[in-house]
């Protein structure tokens, strides 16, 4: 047997008898009226400049992260080798100063 879906429950009171009536809101508000769509583009002050900007295409290829990592590692290796060379020169000059100071007192 099918359920009667239109059957009212006993606990629910009739709203019209209680004096509760839904408010009629069929009146259109000023903001709800259809408005024309703004089709004006941001026109440049000089139309020739706008045409030039549209024709320019970026031709620089996107670099992959692998290549960037390689370049960074190479740059880091070069910096480290230069630091090593500077340390060697510093140590040599230090040794020369020590030997010259020792020779003065001998």
PDB file of N, CA and C in Angstrom:
ATOM      1  N   UNK A   1       0.828  -1.172   0.000  1.00  0.00           N
ATOM      2  CA  UNK A   1       0.000   0.000   0.000  1.00  0.00           C
ATOM      3  C   UNK A   1       0.883   1.251   0.000  1.00  0.00           C
ATOM      4  N   UNK A   2       0.567   2.245  -0.830  1.00  0.00           N
ATOM      5  CA  UNK A   2       1.362   3.461  -0.937  1.00  0.00           C
ATOM      6  C   UNK A   2       1.038   4.413   0.196  1.00  0.00           C
ATOM      7  N   UNK A   3       2.052   5.188   0.594  1.00  0.00           N
ATOM      8  CA  UNK A   3       1.841   6.162   1.666  1.00  0.00           C
ATOM      9  C   UNK A   3       1.089   7.364   1.121  1.00  0.00           C
ATOM     10  N   UNK A   4       0.240   7.898   1.943  1.00  0.00           N
ATOM     11  CA  UNK A   4      -0.463   9.115   1.568  1.00  0.00           C
ATOM     12  C   UNK A   4       0.424  10.290   1.980  1.00  0.00           C
ATOM     13  N   UNK A   5       1.103  10.896   1.031  1.00  0.00           N
ATOM     14  CA  UNK A   5       2.060  11.963   1.330  1.00  0.00           C
ATOM     15  C   UNK A   5       1.357  13.291   1.595  1.00  0.00           C
ATOM     16  N   UNK A   6       0.127  13.428   1.207  1.00  0.00           N
ATOM     17  CA  UNK A   6      -0.596  14.673   1.411  1.00  0.00           C
ATOM     18  C   UNK A   6      -1.278  14.735   2.773  1.00  0.00           C
ATOM     19  N   UNK A   7      -1.184  13.669   3.524  1.00  0.00           N
ATOM     20  CA  UNK A   7      -1.855  13.590   4.818  1.00  0.00           C
ATOM     21  C   UNK A   7      -1.176  14.531   5.812  1.00  0.00           C
ATOM     22  N   UNK A   8      -1.949  15.305   6.550  1.00  0.00           N
ATOM     23  CA  UNK A   8      -1.401  16.240   7.526  1.00  0.00           C
ATOM     24  C   UNK A   8      -1.218  15.534   8.848  1.00  0.00           C
ATOM     25  N   UNK A   9      -0.193  15.939   9.590  1.00  0.00           N
ATOM     26  CA  UNK A   9       0.044  15.355  10.905  1.00  0.00           C
ATOM     27  C   UNK A   9      -0.888  15.980  11.922  1.00  0.00           C
ATOM     28  N   UNK A  10      -1.145  15.285  12.993  1.00  0.00           N
ATOM     29  CA  UNK A  10      -2.063  15.769  14.019  1.00  0.00           C
ATOM     30  C   UNK A  10      -1.445  16.897  14.837  1.00  0.00           C
ATOM     31  N   UNK A  11      -0.103  16.885  15.013  1.00  0.00           N
ATOM     32  CA  UNK A  11       0.560  17.887  15.848  1.00  0.00           C
ATOM     33  C   UNK A  11       0.646  19.250  15.166  1.00  0.00           C
ATOM     34  N   UNK A  12       0.579  19.260  13.851  1.00  0.00           N
ATOM     35  CA  UNK A  12       0.733  20.508  13.109  1.00  0.00           C
ATOM     36  C   UNK A  12      -0.611  21.230  13.061  1.00  0.00           C
ATOM     37  N   UNK A  13      -0.644  22.472  13.450  1.00  0.00           N
ATOM     38  CA  UNK A  13      -1.890  23.234  13.424  1.00  0.00           C
ATOM     39  C   UNK A  13      -2.029  23.923  12.076  1.00  0.00           C
ATOM     40  N   UNK A  14      -3.222  24.249  11.708  1.00  0.00           N
ATOM     41  CA  UNK A  14      -3.492  24.920  10.447  1.00  0.00           C
ATOM     42  C   UNK A  14      -3.076  26.383  10.577  1.00  0.00           C
ATOM     43  N   UNK A  15      -2.193  26.840   9.685  1.00  0.00           N
ATOM     44  CA  UNK A  15      -1.641  28.187   9.796  1.00  0.00           C
ATOM     45  C   UNK A  15      -2.681  29.256   9.469  1.00  0.00           C
ATOM     46  N   UNK A  16      -3.574  28.986   8.530  1.00  0.00           N
ATOM     47  CA  UNK A  16      -4.574  29.989   8.156  1.00  0.00           C
ATOM     48  C   UNK A  16      -5.564  30.223   9.298  1.00  0.00           C
ATOM     49  N   UNK A  17      -5.880  29.190  10.054  1.00  0.00           N
ATOM     50  CA  UNK A  17      -6.797  29.347  11.181  1.00  0.00           C
ATOM     51  C   UNK A  17      -6.152  30.135  12.307  1.00  0.00           C
ATOM     52  N   UNK A  18      -4.815  30.002  12.466  1.00  0.00           N
ATOM     53  CA  UNK A  18      -4.113  30.697  13.538  1.00  0.00           C
ATOM     54  C   UNK A  18      -3.865  32.164  13.206  1.00  0.00           C
ATOM     55  N   UNK A  19      -4.120  32.578  11.974  1.00  0.00           N
ATOM     56  CA  UNK A  19      -3.916  33.963  11.596  1.00  0.00           C
ATOM     57  C   UNK A  19      -2.513  34.222  11.046  1.00  0.00           C
ATOM     58  N   UNK A  20      -1.721  33.190  10.860  1.00  0.00           N
ATOM     59  CA  UNK A  20      -0.370  33.357  10.315  1.00  0.00           C
ATOM     60  C   UNK A  20      -0.453  33.165   8.808  1.00  0.00           C
ATOM     61  N   UNK A  21      -0.140  34.205   8.077  1.00  0.00           N
ATOM     62  CA  UNK A  21      -0.195  34.157   6.622  1.00  0.00           C
ATOM     63  C   UNK A  21       1.159  34.614   6.097  1.00  0.00           C
ATOM     64  N   UNK A  22       1.721  33.924   5.102  1.00  0.00           N
ATOM     65  CA  UNK A  22       3.018  34.358   4.568  1.00  0.00           C
ATOM     66  C   UNK A  22       2.916  35.721   3.894  1.00  0.00           C
ATOM     67  N   UNK A  23       3.974  36.487   3.975  1.00  0.00           N
ATOM     68  CA  UNK A  23       4.016  37.838   3.426  1.00  0.00           C
ATOM     69  C   UNK A  23       4.195  37.757   1.915  1.00  0.00           C
ATOM     70  N   UNK A  24       3.454  38.587   1.183  1.00  0.00           N
ATOM     71  CA  UNK A  24       3.562  38.627  -0.265  1.00  0.00           C
ATOM     72  C   UNK A  24       4.722  39.546  -0.635  1.00  0.00           C
ATOM     73  N   UNK A  25       5.736  38.991  -1.263  1.00  0.00           N
ATOM     74  CA  UNK A  25       6.920  39.772  -1.640  1.00  0.00           C
ATOM     75  C   UNK A  25       7.063  39.805  -3.156  1.00  0.00           C
ATOM     76  N   UNK A  26       5.946  39.892  -3.859  1.00  0.00           N
ATOM     77  CA  UNK A  26       5.993  39.876  -5.315  1.00  0.00           C
ATOM     78  C   UNK A  26       6.447  41.201  -5.907  1.00  0.00           C
ATOM     79  N   UNK A  27       6.490  42.281  -5.124  1.00  0.00           N
ATOM     80  CA  UNK A  27       6.910  43.580  -5.625  1.00  0.00           C
ATOM     81  C   UNK A  27       8.417  43.563  -5.879  1.00  0.00           C
ATOM     82  N   UNK A  28       8.819  44.023  -7.062  1.00  0.00           N
ATOM     83  CA  UNK A  28      10.238  44.014  -7.406  1.00  0.00           C
ATOM     84  C   UNK A  28      10.944  45.191  -6.754  1.00  0.00           C
ATOM     85  N   UNK A  29      12.113  44.931  -6.235  1.00  0.00           N
ATOM     86  CA  UNK A  29      12.915  46.004  -5.652  1.00  0.00           C
ATOM     87  C   UNK A  29      13.671  46.710  -6.766  1.00  0.00           C
ATOM     88  N   UNK A  30      14.176  47.898  -6.485  1.00  0.00           N
ATOM     89  CA  UNK A  30      14.886  48.685  -7.487  1.00  0.00           C
ATOM     90  C   UNK A  30      16.160  47.972  -7.923  1.00  0.00           C
ATOM     91  N   UNK A  31      16.862  47.329  -7.007  1.00  0.00           N
ATOM     92  CA  UNK A  31      18.121  46.666  -7.331  1.00  0.00           C
ATOM     93  C   UNK A  31      17.937  45.380  -8.107  1.00  0.00           C
ATOM     94  N   UNK A  32      16.712  44.813  -8.092  1.00  0.00           N
ATOM     95  CA  UNK A  32      16.479  43.552  -8.781  1.00  0.00           C
ATOM     96  C   UNK A  32      16.151  43.730 -10.253  1.00  0.00           C
ATOM     97  N   UNK A  33      15.916  44.949 -10.703  1.00  0.00           N
ATOM     98  CA  UNK A  33      15.573  45.186 -12.096  1.00  0.00           C
ATOM     99  C   UNK A  33      16.771  44.839 -12.972  1.00  0.00           C
ATOM    100  N   UNK A  34      16.513  44.253 -14.140  1.00  0.00           N
ATOM    101  CA  UNK A  34      17.639  43.905 -15.016  1.00  0.00           C
ATOM    102  C   UNK A  34      18.357  45.157 -15.496  1.00  0.00           C
ATOM    103  N   UNK A  35      19.667  45.094 -15.467  1.00  0.00           N
ATOM    104  CA  UNK A  35      20.471  46.235 -15.882  1.00  0.00           C
ATOM    105  C   UNK A  35      21.299  45.847 -17.093  1.00  0.00           C
ATOM    106  N   UNK A  36      21.657  46.838 -17.889  1.00  0.00           N
ATOM    107  CA  UNK A  36      22.484  46.589 -19.054  1.00  0.00           C
ATOM    108  C   UNK A  36      23.898  46.225 -18.623  1.00  0.00           C
ATOM    109  N   UNK A  37      24.488  45.288 -19.361  1.00  0.00           N
ATOM    110  CA  UNK A  37      25.836  44.859 -19.040  1.00  0.00           C
ATOM    111  C   UNK A  37      26.837  45.885 -19.568  1.00  0.00           C
ATOM    112  N   UNK A  38      27.843  46.171 -18.773  1.00  0.00           N
ATOM    113  CA  UNK A  38      28.871  47.126 -19.167  1.00  0.00           C
ATOM    114  C   UNK A  38      29.811  46.448 -20.145  1.00  0.00           C
ATOM    115  N   UNK A  39      29.740  46.851 -21.423  1.00  0.00           N
ATOM    116  CA  UNK A  39      30.580  46.231 -22.445  1.00  0.00           C
ATOM    117  C   UNK A  39      31.756  47.104 -22.827  1.00  0.00           C
ATOM    118  N   UNK A  40      31.943  48.221 -22.150  1.00  0.00           N
ATOM    119  CA  UNK A  40      33.050  49.103 -22.497  1.00  0.00           C
ATOM    120  C   UNK A  40      34.353  48.490 -22.004  1.00  0.00           C
ATOM    121  N   UNK A  41      35.310  48.383 -22.900  1.00  0.00           N
ATOM    122  CA  UNK A  41      36.629  47.875 -22.539  1.00  0.00           C
ATOM    123  C   UNK A  41      37.441  49.007 -21.944  1.00  0.00           C
ATOM    124  N   UNK A  42      38.507  48.647 -21.266  1.00  0.00           N
ATOM    125  CA  UNK A  42      39.419  49.658 -20.772  1.00  0.00           C
ATOM    126  C   UNK A  42      40.223  50.178 -21.947  1.00  0.00           C
ATOM    127  N   UNK A  43      39.651  51.086 -22.703  1.00  0.00           N
ATOM    128  CA  UNK A  43      40.301  51.581 -23.911  1.00  0.00           C
ATOM    129  C   UNK A  43      41.562  52.351 -23.559  1.00  0.00           C
ATOM    130  N   UNK A  44      42.677  52.059 -24.230  1.00  0.00           N
ATOM    131  CA  UNK A  44      43.887  52.842 -23.980  1.00  0.00           C
ATOM    132  C   UNK A  44      43.712  54.251 -24.518  1.00  0.00           C
ATOM    133  N   UNK A  45      44.480  55.195 -23.975  1.00  0.00           N
ATOM    134  CA  UNK A  45      44.358  56.580 -24.405  1.00  0.00           C
ATOM    135  C   UNK A  45      44.774  56.734 -25.862  1.00  0.00           C
ATOM    136  N   UNK A  46      45.735  55.944 -26.293  1.00  0.00           N
ATOM    137  CA  UNK A  46      46.178  55.974 -27.676  1.00  0.00           C
ATOM    138  C   UNK A  46      45.885  54.604 -28.280  1.00  0.00           C
ATOM    139  N   UNK A  47      44.993  54.499 -29.282  1.00  0.00           N
ATOM    140  CA  UNK A  47      44.643  53.187 -29.823  1.00  0.00           C
ATOM    141  C   UNK A  47      45.830  52.470 -30.467  1.00  0.00           C
ATOM    142  N   UNK A  48      46.818  53.198 -30.947  1.00  0.00           N
ATOM    143  CA  UNK A  48      47.983  52.566 -31.562  1.00  0.00           C
ATOM    144  C   UNK A  48      48.775  51.783 -30.523  1.00  0.00           C
ATOM    145  N   UNK A  49      48.851  52.309 -29.304  1.00  0.00           N
ATOM    146  CA  UNK A  49      49.578  51.608 -28.245  1.00  0.00           C
ATOM    147  C   UNK A  49      48.876  50.314 -27.864  1.00  0.00           C
ATOM    148  N   UNK A  50      47.562  50.318 -27.874  1.00  0.00           N
ATOM    149  CA  UNK A  50      46.808  49.118 -27.550  1.00  0.00           C
ATOM    150  C   UNK A  50      47.033  48.032 -28.579  1.00  0.00           C
ATOM    151  N   UNK A  51      47.128  48.404 -29.852  1.00  0.00           N
ATOM    152  CA  UNK A  51      47.358  47.426 -30.908  1.00  0.00           C
ATOM    153  C   UNK A  51      48.760  46.847 -30.809  1.00  0.00           C
ATOM    154  N   UNK A  52      49.721  47.655 -30.426  1.00  0.00           N
ATOM    155  CA  UNK A  52      51.102  47.178 -30.298  1.00  0.00           C
ATOM    156  C   UNK A  52      51.199  46.164 -29.169  1.00  0.00           C
ATOM    157  N   UNK A  53      50.537  46.448 -28.056  1.00  0.00           N
ATOM    158  CA  UNK A  53      50.599  45.543 -26.915  1.00  0.00           C
ATOM    159  C   UNK A  53      49.977  44.192 -27.225  1.00  0.00           C
ATOM    160  N   UNK A  54      48.985  44.158 -28.066  1.00  0.00           N
ATOM    161  CA  UNK A  54      48.336  42.895 -28.402  1.00  0.00           C
ATOM    162  C   UNK A  54      49.207  42.038 -29.305  1.00  0.00           C
ATOM    163  N   UNK A  55      50.041  42.672 -30.126  1.00  0.00           N
ATOM    164  CA  UNK A  55      50.844  41.925 -31.089  1.00  0.00           C
ATOM    165  C   UNK A  55      52.101  41.330 -30.476  1.00  0.00           C
ATOM    166  N   UNK A  56      52.561  41.858 -29.363  1.00  0.00           N
ATOM    167  CA  UNK A  56      53.795  41.375 -28.748  1.00  0.00           C
ATOM    168  C   UNK A  56      53.523  40.042 -28.071  1.00  0.00           C
ATOM    169  N   UNK A  57      54.318  39.046 -28.412  1.00  0.00           N
ATOM    170  CA  UNK A  57      54.196  37.739 -27.777  1.00  0.00           C
ATOM    171  C   UNK A  57      55.485  37.445 -27.040  1.00  0.00           C
ATOM    172  N   UNK A  58      55.361  36.812 -25.918  1.00  0.00           N
ATOM    173  CA  UNK A  58      56.545  36.448 -25.155  1.00  0.00           C
ATOM    174  C   UNK A  58      57.184  35.228 -25.810  1.00  0.00           C
ATOM    175  N   UNK A  59      58.422  35.367 -26.214  1.00  0.00           N
ATOM    176  CA  UNK A  59      59.115  34.277 -26.880  1.00  0.00           C
ATOM    177  C   UNK A  59      60.109  33.588 -25.971  1.00  0.00           C
ATOM    178  N   UNK A  60      60.163  33.993 -24.707  1.00  0.00           N
ATOM    179  CA  UNK A  60      61.101  33.380 -23.775  1.00  0.00           C
ATOM    180  C   UNK A  60      60.523  32.045 -23.331  1.00  0.00           C
ATOM    181  N   UNK A  61      61.243  30.948 -23.585  1.00  0.00           N
ATOM    182  CA  UNK A  61      60.716  29.645 -23.166  1.00  0.00           C
ATOM    183  C   UNK A  61      60.765  29.498 -21.651  1.00  0.00           C
ATOM    184  N   UNK A  62      59.852  28.732 -21.136  1.00  0.00           N
ATOM    185  CA  UNK A  62      59.802  28.488 -19.701  1.00  0.00           C
ATOM    186  C   UNK A  62      60.909  27.507 -19.344  1.00  0.00           C
ATOM    187  N   UNK A  63      61.743  27.892 -18.380  1.00  0.00           N
ATOM    188  CA  UNK A  63      62.842  27.021 -17.981  1.00  0.00           C
ATOM    189  C   UNK A  63      62.319  25.959 -17.048  1.00  0.00           C
ATOM    190  N   UNK A  64      62.818  24.780 -17.223  1.00  0.00           N
ATOM    191  CA  UNK A  64      62.398  23.697 -16.345  1.00  0.00           C
ATOM    192  C   UNK A  64      63.173  23.761 -15.050  1.00  0.00           C
ATOM    193  N   UNK A  65      62.580  23.253 -14.024  1.00  0.00           N
ATOM    194  CA  UNK A  65      63.202  23.327 -12.699  1.00  0.00           C
ATOM    195  C   UNK A  65      64.491  22.516 -12.653  1.00  0.00           C
ATOM    196  N   UNK A  66      64.577  21.457 -13.465  1.00  0.00           N
ATOM    197  CA  UNK A  66      65.796  20.644 -13.482  1.00  0.00           C
ATOM    198  C   UNK A  66      66.977  21.476 -13.967  1.00  0.00           C
ATOM    199  N   UNK A  67      66.777  22.240 -15.031  1.00  0.00           N
ATOM    200  CA  UNK A  67      67.854  23.081 -15.554  1.00  0.00           C
ATOM    201  C   UNK A  67      68.242  24.162 -14.551  1.00  0.00           C
ATOM    202  N   UNK A  68      67.268  24.709 -13.879  1.00  0.00           N
ATOM    203  CA  UNK A  68      67.552  25.747 -12.886  1.00  0.00           C
ATOM    204  C   UNK A  68      68.375  25.171 -11.750  1.00  0.00           C
ATOM    205  N   UNK A  69      68.015  23.963 -11.306  1.00  0.00           N
ATOM    206  CA  UNK A  69      68.785  23.323 -10.228  1.00  0.00           C
ATOM    207  C   UNK A  69      70.214  23.070 -10.668  1.00  0.00           C
ATOM    208  N   UNK A  70      70.393  22.635 -11.917  1.00  0.00           N
ATOM    209  CA  UNK A  70      71.753  22.396 -12.420  1.00  0.00           C
ATOM    210  C   UNK A  70      72.568  23.682 -12.410  1.00  0.00           C
ATOM    211  N   UNK A  71      71.968  24.762 -12.896  1.00  0.00           N
ATOM    212  CA  UNK A  71      72.682  26.035 -12.939  1.00  0.00           C
ATOM    213  C   UNK A  71      73.046  26.512 -11.538  1.00  0.00           C
ATOM    214  N   UNK A  72      72.139  26.330 -10.588  1.00  0.00           N
ATOM    215  CA  UNK A  72      72.431  26.740  -9.213  1.00  0.00           C
ATOM    216  C   UNK A  72      73.563  25.912  -8.628  1.00  0.00           C
ATOM    217  N   UNK A  73      73.560  24.605  -8.900  1.00  0.00           N
ATOM    218  CA  UNK A  73      74.631  23.748  -8.383  1.00  0.00           C
ATOM    219  C   UNK A  73      75.978  24.125  -8.985  1.00  0.00           C
ATOM    220  N   UNK A  74      75.990  24.436 -10.277  1.00  0.00           N
ATOM    221  CA  UNK A  74      77.242  24.839 -10.930  1.00  0.00           C
ATOM    222  C   UNK A  74      77.749  26.143 -10.331  1.00  0.00           C
ATOM    223  N   UNK A  75      76.856  27.104 -10.135  1.00  0.00           N
ATOM    224  CA  UNK A  75      77.259  28.384  -9.546  1.00  0.00           C
ATOM    225  C   UNK A  75      77.787  28.182  -8.128  1.00  0.00           C
ATOM    226  N   UNK A  76      77.155  27.303  -7.373  1.00  0.00           N
ATOM    227  CA  UNK A  76      77.605  27.035  -6.008  1.00  0.00           C
ATOM    228  C   UNK A  76      78.979  26.378  -6.010  1.00  0.00           C
ATOM    229  N   UNK A  77      79.220  25.465  -6.957  1.00  0.00           N
ATOM    230  CA  UNK A  77      80.522  24.804  -7.051  1.00  0.00           C
ATOM    231  C   UNK A  77      81.616  25.810  -7.392  1.00  0.00           C
ATOM    232  N   UNK A  78      81.314  26.747  -8.276  1.00  0.00           N
ATOM    233  CA  UNK A  78      82.298  27.775  -8.643  1.00  0.00           C
ATOM    234  C   UNK A  78      82.630  28.644  -7.439  1.00  0.00           C
ATOM    235  N   UNK A  79      81.617  29.039  -6.685  1.00  0.00           N
ATOM    236  CA  UNK A  79      81.834  29.871  -5.499  1.00  0.00           C
ATOM    237  C   UNK A  79      82.686  29.125  -4.482  1.00  0.00           C
ATOM    238  N   UNK A  80      82.392  27.836  -4.283  1.00  0.00           N
ATOM    239  CA  UNK A  80      83.173  27.052  -3.325  1.00  0.00           C
ATOM    240  C   UNK A  80      84.627  26.910  -3.758  1.00  0.00           C
ATOM    241  N   UNK A  81      84.869  26.717  -5.062  1.00  0.00           N
ATOM    242  CA  UNK A  81      86.252  26.591  -5.539  1.00  0.00           C
ATOM    243  C   UNK A  81      87.006  27.912  -5.367  1.00  0.00           C
ATOM    244  N   UNK A  82      86.314  29.040  -5.609  1.00  0.00           N
ATOM    245  CA  UNK A  82      86.953  30.341  -5.405  1.00  0.00           C
ATOM    246  C   UNK A  82      87.282  30.560  -3.931  1.00  0.00           C
ATOM    247  N   UNK A  83      86.403  30.129  -3.040  1.00  0.00           N
ATOM    248  CA  UNK A  83      86.677  30.249  -1.611  1.00  0.00           C
ATOM    249  C   UNK A  83      87.899  29.425  -1.233  1.00  0.00           C
ATOM    250  N   UNK A  84      88.010  28.231  -1.808  1.00  0.00           N
ATOM    251  CA  UNK A  84      89.168  27.374  -1.524  1.00  0.00           C
ATOM    252  C   UNK A  84      90.462  28.020  -1.986  1.00  0.00           C
ATOM    253  N   UNK A  85      90.441  28.623  -3.173  1.00  0.00           N
ATOM    254  CA  UNK A  85      91.634  29.297  -3.690  1.00  0.00           C
ATOM    255  C   UNK A  85      92.019  30.474  -2.793  1.00  0.00           C
ATOM    256  N   UNK A  86      91.028  31.235  -2.335  1.00  0.00           N
ATOM    257  CA  UNK A  86      91.311  32.364  -1.443  1.00  0.00           C
ATOM    258  C   UNK A  86      91.932  31.883  -0.137  1.00  0.00           C
ATOM    259  N   UNK A  87      91.444  30.764   0.396  1.00  0.00           N
ATOM    260  CA  UNK A  87      92.000  30.226   1.639  1.00  0.00           C
ATOM    261  C   UNK A  87      93.446  29.796   1.440  1.00  0.00           C
ATOM    262  N   UNK A  88      93.738  29.177   0.287  1.00  0.00           N
ATOM    263  CA  UNK A  88      95.114  28.749   0.016  1.00  0.00           C
ATOM    264  C   UNK A  88      96.045  29.952  -0.077  1.00  0.00           C
ATOM    265  N   UNK A  89      95.619  31.006  -0.771  1.00  0.00           N
ATOM    266  CA  UNK A  89      96.445  32.210  -0.873  1.00  0.00           C
ATOM    267  C   UNK A  89      96.652  32.847   0.499  1.00  0.00           C
ATOM    268  N   UNK A  90      95.617  32.845   1.306  1.00  0.00           N
ATOM    269  CA  UNK A  90      95.697  33.410   2.646  1.00  0.00           C
ATOM    270  C   UNK A  90      96.702  32.626   3.495  1.00  0.00           C
ATOM    271  N   UNK A  91      96.637  31.300   3.412  1.00  0.00           N
ATOM    272  CA  UNK A  91      97.571  30.462   4.175  1.00  0.00           C
ATOM    273  C   UNK A  91      99.010  30.672   3.713  1.00  0.00           C
ATOM    274  N   UNK A  92      99.221  30.811   2.395  1.00  0.00           N
ATOM    275  CA  UNK A  92     100.577  31.036   1.878  1.00  0.00           C
ATOM    276  C   UNK A  92     101.139  32.362   2.384  1.00  0.00           C
ATOM    277  N   UNK A  93     100.309  33.413   2.330  1.00  0.00           N
ATOM    278  CA  UNK A  93     100.788  34.719   2.791  1.00  0.00           C
ATOM    279  C   UNK A  93     101.062  34.685   4.296  1.00  0.00           C
ATOM    280  N   UNK A  94     100.255  33.938   5.027  1.00  0.00           N
ATOM    281  CA  UNK A  94     100.460  33.811   6.468  1.00  0.00           C
ATOM    282  C   UNK A  94     101.780  33.099   6.753  1.00  0.00           C
ATOM    283  N   UNK A  95     102.055  32.027   6.023  1.00  0.00           N
ATOM    284  CA  UNK A  95     103.311  31.279   6.220  1.00  0.00           C
ATOM    285  C   UNK A  95     104.516  32.157   5.883  1.00  0.00           C
ATOM    286  N   UNK A  96     104.410  32.962   4.815  1.00  0.00           N
ATOM    287  CA  UNK A  96     105.513  33.853   4.453  1.00  0.00           C
ATOM    288  C   UNK A  96     105.764  34.884   5.550  1.00  0.00           C
ATOM    289  N   UNK A  97     104.711  35.437   6.134  1.00  0.00           N
ATOM    290  CA  UNK A  97     104.878  36.407   7.221  1.00  0.00           C
ATOM    291  C   UNK A  97     105.534  35.760   8.437  1.00  0.00           C
ATOM    292  N   UNK A  98     105.117  34.528   8.746  1.00  0.00           N
ATOM    293  CA  UNK A  98     105.695  33.828   9.902  1.00  0.00           C
ATOM    294  C   UNK A  98     107.180  33.570   9.677  1.00  0.00           C
ATOM    295  N   UNK A  99     107.549  33.099   8.477  1.00  0.00           N
ATOM    296  CA  UNK A  99     108.960  32.819   8.181  1.00  0.00           C
ATOM    297  C   UNK A  99     109.802  34.089   8.204  1.00  0.00           C
ATOM    298  N   UNK A 100     109.238  35.193   7.673  1.00  0.00           N
ATOM    299  CA  UNK A 100     110.007  36.439   7.682  1.00  0.00           C
ATOM    300  C   UNK A 100     110.185  36.952   9.115  1.00  0.00           C
ATOM    301  N   UNK A 101     109.162  36.798   9.957  1.00  0.00           N
ATOM    302  CA  UNK A 101     109.280  37.231  11.358  1.00  0.00           C
ATOM    303  C   UNK A 101     110.300  36.370  12.094  1.00  0.00           C
ATOM    304  N   UNK A 102     110.344  35.063  11.828  1.00  0.00           N
ATOM    305  CA  UNK A 102     111.306  34.169  12.476  1.00  0.00           C
ATOM    306  C   UNK A 102     112.725  34.514  12.051  1.00  0.00           C
ATOM    307  N   UNK A 103     112.875  34.844  10.761  1.00  0.00           N
ATOM    308  CA  UNK A 103     114.225  35.154  10.270  1.00  0.00           C
ATOM    309  C   UNK A 103     114.755  36.456  10.875  1.00  0.00           C
ATOM    310  N   UNK A 104     113.871  37.389  11.234  1.00  0.00           N
ATOM    311  CA  UNK A 104     114.305  38.627  11.861  1.00  0.00           C
ATOM    312  C   UNK A 104     114.883  38.372  13.251  1.00  0.00           C
ATOM    313  N   UNK A 105     114.314  37.442  14.010  1.00  0.00           N
ATOM    314  CA  UNK A 105     114.753  37.200  15.378  1.00  0.00           C
ATOM    315  C   UNK A 105     115.878  36.179  15.473  1.00  0.00           C
ATOM    316  N   UNK A 106     116.180  35.480  14.396  1.00  0.00           N
ATOM    317  CA  UNK A 106     117.275  34.503  14.463  1.00  0.00           C
ATOM    318  C   UNK A 106     118.619  35.118  14.246  1.00  0.00           C
TER     319      UNK A 106
END
